[in-house]
Amino acid sequence: MAKKYHGFLIINEFKKEGKHPDYFGIITIAGSEYKLAGWLDKTKEGRPKINLRVSLRKRPSVQDKIDAAEGGDAME
């Protein structure tokens, strides 16, 4: 189980376009997991910085897993 208030960022070795993040990772805050994405940038003064985006990480539900195993949504 992940520790509360811990996470990681790793270098994105799969980056192919400028819009893809330079770093990505996951952080756990109060029991919820969030995806992290970071882009290398500079401040107006030229100091290095990383712009971050945080979004809730959706874990597949049991129904999502069943649908995937059956090859799609059974209610189509």
N, C-alpha and C. Protein backbone atom coordinates (compact mmCIF):
# COMPACT_ATOMS: atom_id res chain seq x y z
N MET A 1 0.83 -1.17 0.00
CA MET A 1 0.00 0.00 0.00
C MET A 1 0.88 1.25 0.00
N ALA A 2 0.51 2.26 -0.78
CA ALA A 2 1.28 3.48 -0.89
C ALA A 2 1.19 4.29 0.40
N LYS A 3 2.28 4.97 0.73
CA LYS A 3 2.29 5.83 1.90
C LYS A 3 1.51 7.10 1.62
N LYS A 4 0.84 7.62 2.64
CA LYS A 4 0.11 8.88 2.49
C LYS A 4 1.11 9.99 2.22
N TYR A 5 0.74 10.91 1.36
CA TYR A 5 1.52 12.10 1.07
C TYR A 5 2.90 11.80 0.49
N HIS A 6 2.99 10.72 -0.28
CA HIS A 6 4.24 10.37 -0.96
C HIS A 6 3.96 10.17 -2.44
N GLY A 7 5.00 10.37 -3.23
CA GLY A 7 4.85 10.15 -4.66
C GLY A 7 6.20 10.13 -5.34
N PHE A 8 6.16 10.18 -6.67
CA PHE A 8 7.40 10.15 -7.44
C PHE A 8 7.20 10.84 -8.78
N LEU A 9 8.30 11.31 -9.34
CA LEU A 9 8.37 11.81 -10.71
C LEU A 9 9.54 11.10 -11.37
N ILE A 10 9.35 10.68 -12.61
CA ILE A 10 10.44 10.09 -13.37
C ILE A 10 10.54 10.78 -14.72
N ILE A 11 11.70 10.72 -15.32
CA ILE A 11 11.91 11.31 -16.64
C ILE A 11 11.08 10.55 -17.66
N ASN A 12 10.39 11.28 -18.52
CA ASN A 12 9.57 10.68 -19.56
C ASN A 12 10.46 10.33 -20.76
N GLU A 13 10.89 9.10 -20.83
CA GLU A 13 11.75 8.64 -21.91
C GLU A 13 10.98 8.39 -23.20
N PHE A 14 9.65 8.50 -23.15
CA PHE A 14 8.80 8.26 -24.31
C PHE A 14 8.34 9.56 -24.97
N LYS A 15 8.83 10.70 -24.50
CA LYS A 15 8.41 12.01 -25.02
C LYS A 15 8.77 12.11 -26.50
N LYS A 16 7.75 12.44 -27.33
CA LYS A 16 7.97 12.57 -28.76
C LYS A 16 7.59 13.95 -29.27
N GLU A 17 6.76 14.68 -28.51
CA GLU A 17 6.30 16.01 -28.91
C GLU A 17 6.49 16.98 -27.75
N GLY A 18 6.56 18.29 -28.08
CA GLY A 18 6.75 19.30 -27.06
C GLY A 18 5.65 19.35 -26.03
N LYS A 19 4.43 18.95 -26.42
CA LYS A 19 3.32 18.98 -25.47
C LYS A 19 3.37 17.83 -24.48
N HIS A 20 4.16 16.80 -24.76
CA HIS A 20 4.30 15.69 -23.82
C HIS A 20 5.15 16.14 -22.64
N PRO A 21 4.82 15.69 -21.42
CA PRO A 21 5.58 16.13 -20.25
C PRO A 21 7.00 15.59 -20.24
N ASP A 22 7.90 16.38 -19.62
CA ASP A 22 9.29 15.94 -19.44
C ASP A 22 9.40 14.93 -18.30
N TYR A 23 8.48 15.02 -17.35
CA TYR A 23 8.42 14.13 -16.20
C TYR A 23 6.98 13.68 -15.99
N PHE A 24 6.81 12.50 -15.40
CA PHE A 24 5.47 12.05 -15.01
C PHE A 24 5.59 11.19 -13.77
N GLY A 25 4.48 11.03 -13.06
CA GLY A 25 4.50 10.22 -11.85
C GLY A 25 3.15 10.18 -11.18
N ILE A 26 3.17 9.72 -9.94
CA ILE A 26 1.95 9.55 -9.16
C ILE A 26 2.23 10.04 -7.75
N ILE A 27 1.23 10.64 -7.13
CA ILE A 27 1.32 11.05 -5.73
C ILE A 27 0.05 10.60 -5.01
N THR A 28 0.20 10.18 -3.76
CA THR A 28 -0.93 9.77 -2.94
C THR A 28 -1.14 10.84 -1.87
N ILE A 29 -2.35 11.39 -1.83
CA ILE A 29 -2.69 12.40 -0.84
C ILE A 29 -3.99 11.97 -0.17
N ALA A 30 -3.91 11.75 1.13
CA ALA A 30 -5.08 11.37 1.93
C ALA A 30 -5.85 10.21 1.31
N GLY A 31 -5.13 9.21 0.82
CA GLY A 31 -5.76 8.01 0.30
C GLY A 31 -6.18 8.05 -1.15
N SER A 32 -6.07 9.20 -1.80
CA SER A 32 -6.41 9.31 -3.22
C SER A 32 -5.14 9.43 -4.05
N GLU A 33 -5.13 8.78 -5.21
CA GLU A 33 -3.96 8.84 -6.09
C GLU A 33 -4.19 9.87 -7.19
N TYR A 34 -3.14 10.62 -7.47
CA TYR A 34 -3.17 11.65 -8.51
C TYR A 34 -2.02 11.43 -9.47
N LYS A 35 -2.28 11.72 -10.76
CA LYS A 35 -1.23 11.67 -11.76
C LYS A 35 -0.53 13.02 -11.77
N LEU A 36 0.78 13.00 -11.92
CA LEU A 36 1.57 14.21 -12.03
C LEU A 36 2.21 14.27 -13.41
N ALA A 37 2.29 15.47 -13.97
CA ALA A 37 3.02 15.69 -15.22
C ALA A 37 3.80 16.98 -15.04
N GLY A 38 5.04 17.02 -15.52
CA GLY A 38 5.87 18.20 -15.35
C GLY A 38 6.62 18.55 -16.62
N TRP A 39 6.70 19.85 -16.90
CA TRP A 39 7.40 20.36 -18.08
C TRP A 39 8.50 21.30 -17.62
N LEU A 40 9.72 21.11 -18.15
CA LEU A 40 10.83 22.00 -17.83
C LEU A 40 10.57 23.36 -18.48
N ASP A 41 10.87 24.43 -17.74
CA ASP A 41 10.62 25.79 -18.23
C ASP A 41 11.57 26.73 -17.49
N LYS A 42 11.44 28.03 -17.77
CA LYS A 42 12.22 29.04 -17.06
C LYS A 42 11.30 30.18 -16.65
N THR A 43 11.64 30.82 -15.53
CA THR A 43 10.90 32.00 -15.09
C THR A 43 11.27 33.18 -15.99
N LYS A 44 10.59 34.29 -15.81
CA LYS A 44 10.91 35.51 -16.58
C LYS A 44 12.34 35.95 -16.35
N GLU A 45 12.87 35.64 -15.16
CA GLU A 45 14.24 36.01 -14.82
C GLU A 45 15.26 34.99 -15.33
N GLY A 46 14.78 33.90 -15.94
CA GLY A 46 15.68 32.89 -16.48
C GLY A 46 16.03 31.75 -15.54
N ARG A 47 15.39 31.72 -14.37
CA ARG A 47 15.66 30.64 -13.43
C ARG A 47 14.88 29.39 -13.85
N PRO A 48 15.47 28.20 -13.68
CA PRO A 48 14.76 26.98 -14.08
C PRO A 48 13.56 26.71 -13.17
N LYS A 49 12.50 26.18 -13.77
CA LYS A 49 11.32 25.78 -13.02
C LYS A 49 10.67 24.60 -13.73
N ILE A 50 9.77 23.93 -13.03
CA ILE A 50 8.99 22.84 -13.61
C ILE A 50 7.52 23.21 -13.46
N ASN A 51 6.81 23.30 -14.57
CA ASN A 51 5.36 23.51 -14.55
C ASN A 51 4.70 22.17 -14.30
N LEU A 52 3.73 22.13 -13.39
CA LEU A 52 3.09 20.87 -13.02
C LEU A 52 1.61 20.86 -13.38
N ARG A 53 1.12 19.65 -13.68
CA ARG A 53 -0.31 19.41 -13.83
C ARG A 53 -0.64 18.20 -12.96
N VAL A 54 -1.71 18.32 -12.21
CA VAL A 54 -2.16 17.24 -11.32
C VAL A 54 -3.57 16.87 -11.71
N SER A 55 -3.84 15.57 -11.85
CA SER A 55 -5.19 15.11 -12.17
C SER A 55 -5.46 13.83 -11.40
N LEU A 56 -6.72 13.63 -11.04
CA LEU A 56 -7.12 12.45 -10.29
C LEU A 56 -6.85 11.21 -11.14
N ARG A 57 -6.24 10.22 -10.53
CA ARG A 57 -5.95 8.97 -11.23
C ARG A 57 -7.17 8.07 -11.12
N LYS A 58 -7.75 7.74 -12.26
CA LYS A 58 -8.92 6.85 -12.27
C LYS A 58 -8.43 5.41 -12.31
N ARG A 59 -8.79 4.70 -11.29
CA ARG A 59 -8.46 3.27 -11.28
C ARG A 59 -9.59 2.53 -11.97
N PRO A 60 -9.28 1.51 -12.74
CA PRO A 60 -10.34 0.75 -13.40
C PRO A 60 -11.27 0.11 -12.37
N SER A 61 -12.57 0.25 -12.58
CA SER A 61 -13.54 -0.38 -11.69
C SER A 61 -13.62 -1.86 -12.03
N VAL A 62 -14.27 -2.61 -11.20
CA VAL A 62 -14.48 -4.03 -11.46
C VAL A 62 -15.22 -4.21 -12.78
N GLN A 63 -16.25 -3.36 -13.04
CA GLN A 63 -17.01 -3.46 -14.29
C GLN A 63 -16.12 -3.15 -15.49
N ASP A 64 -15.21 -2.16 -15.37
CA ASP A 64 -14.27 -1.86 -16.46
C ASP A 64 -13.42 -3.09 -16.79
N LYS A 65 -12.97 -3.79 -15.75
CA LYS A 65 -12.15 -4.98 -15.96
C LYS A 65 -12.95 -6.10 -16.63
N ILE A 66 -14.20 -6.27 -16.23
CA ILE A 66 -15.06 -7.29 -16.84
C ILE A 66 -15.29 -6.96 -18.31
N ASP A 67 -15.61 -5.67 -18.58
CA ASP A 67 -15.85 -5.24 -19.96
C ASP A 67 -14.61 -5.46 -20.83
N ALA A 68 -13.44 -5.15 -20.29
CA ALA A 68 -12.20 -5.32 -21.06
C ALA A 68 -11.95 -6.80 -21.35
N ALA A 69 -12.24 -7.66 -20.37
CA ALA A 69 -12.03 -9.10 -20.56
C ALA A 69 -12.99 -9.67 -21.60
N GLU A 70 -14.21 -9.07 -21.67
CA GLU A 70 -15.21 -9.55 -22.63
C GLU A 70 -15.08 -8.87 -23.98
N GLY A 71 -14.16 -7.93 -24.08
CA GLY A 71 -13.95 -7.27 -25.37
C GLY A 71 -14.82 -6.06 -25.61
N GLY A 72 -15.35 -5.44 -24.57
CA GLY A 72 -16.15 -4.23 -24.75
C GLY A 72 -17.31 -4.16 -23.81
N ASP A 73 -18.12 -3.16 -23.99
CA ASP A 73 -19.26 -2.93 -23.13
C ASP A 73 -20.42 -3.86 -23.53
N ALA A 74 -20.92 -4.62 -22.59
CA ALA A 74 -21.99 -5.58 -22.87
C ALA A 74 -23.34 -4.89 -23.10
N MET A 75 -23.46 -3.62 -22.75
CA MET A 75 -24.73 -2.90 -22.85
C MET A 75 -24.84 -2.05 -24.11
N GLU A 76 -24.06 -2.32 -25.14
CA GLU A 76 -24.08 -1.50 -26.35
C GLU A 76 -25.35 -1.69 -27.13
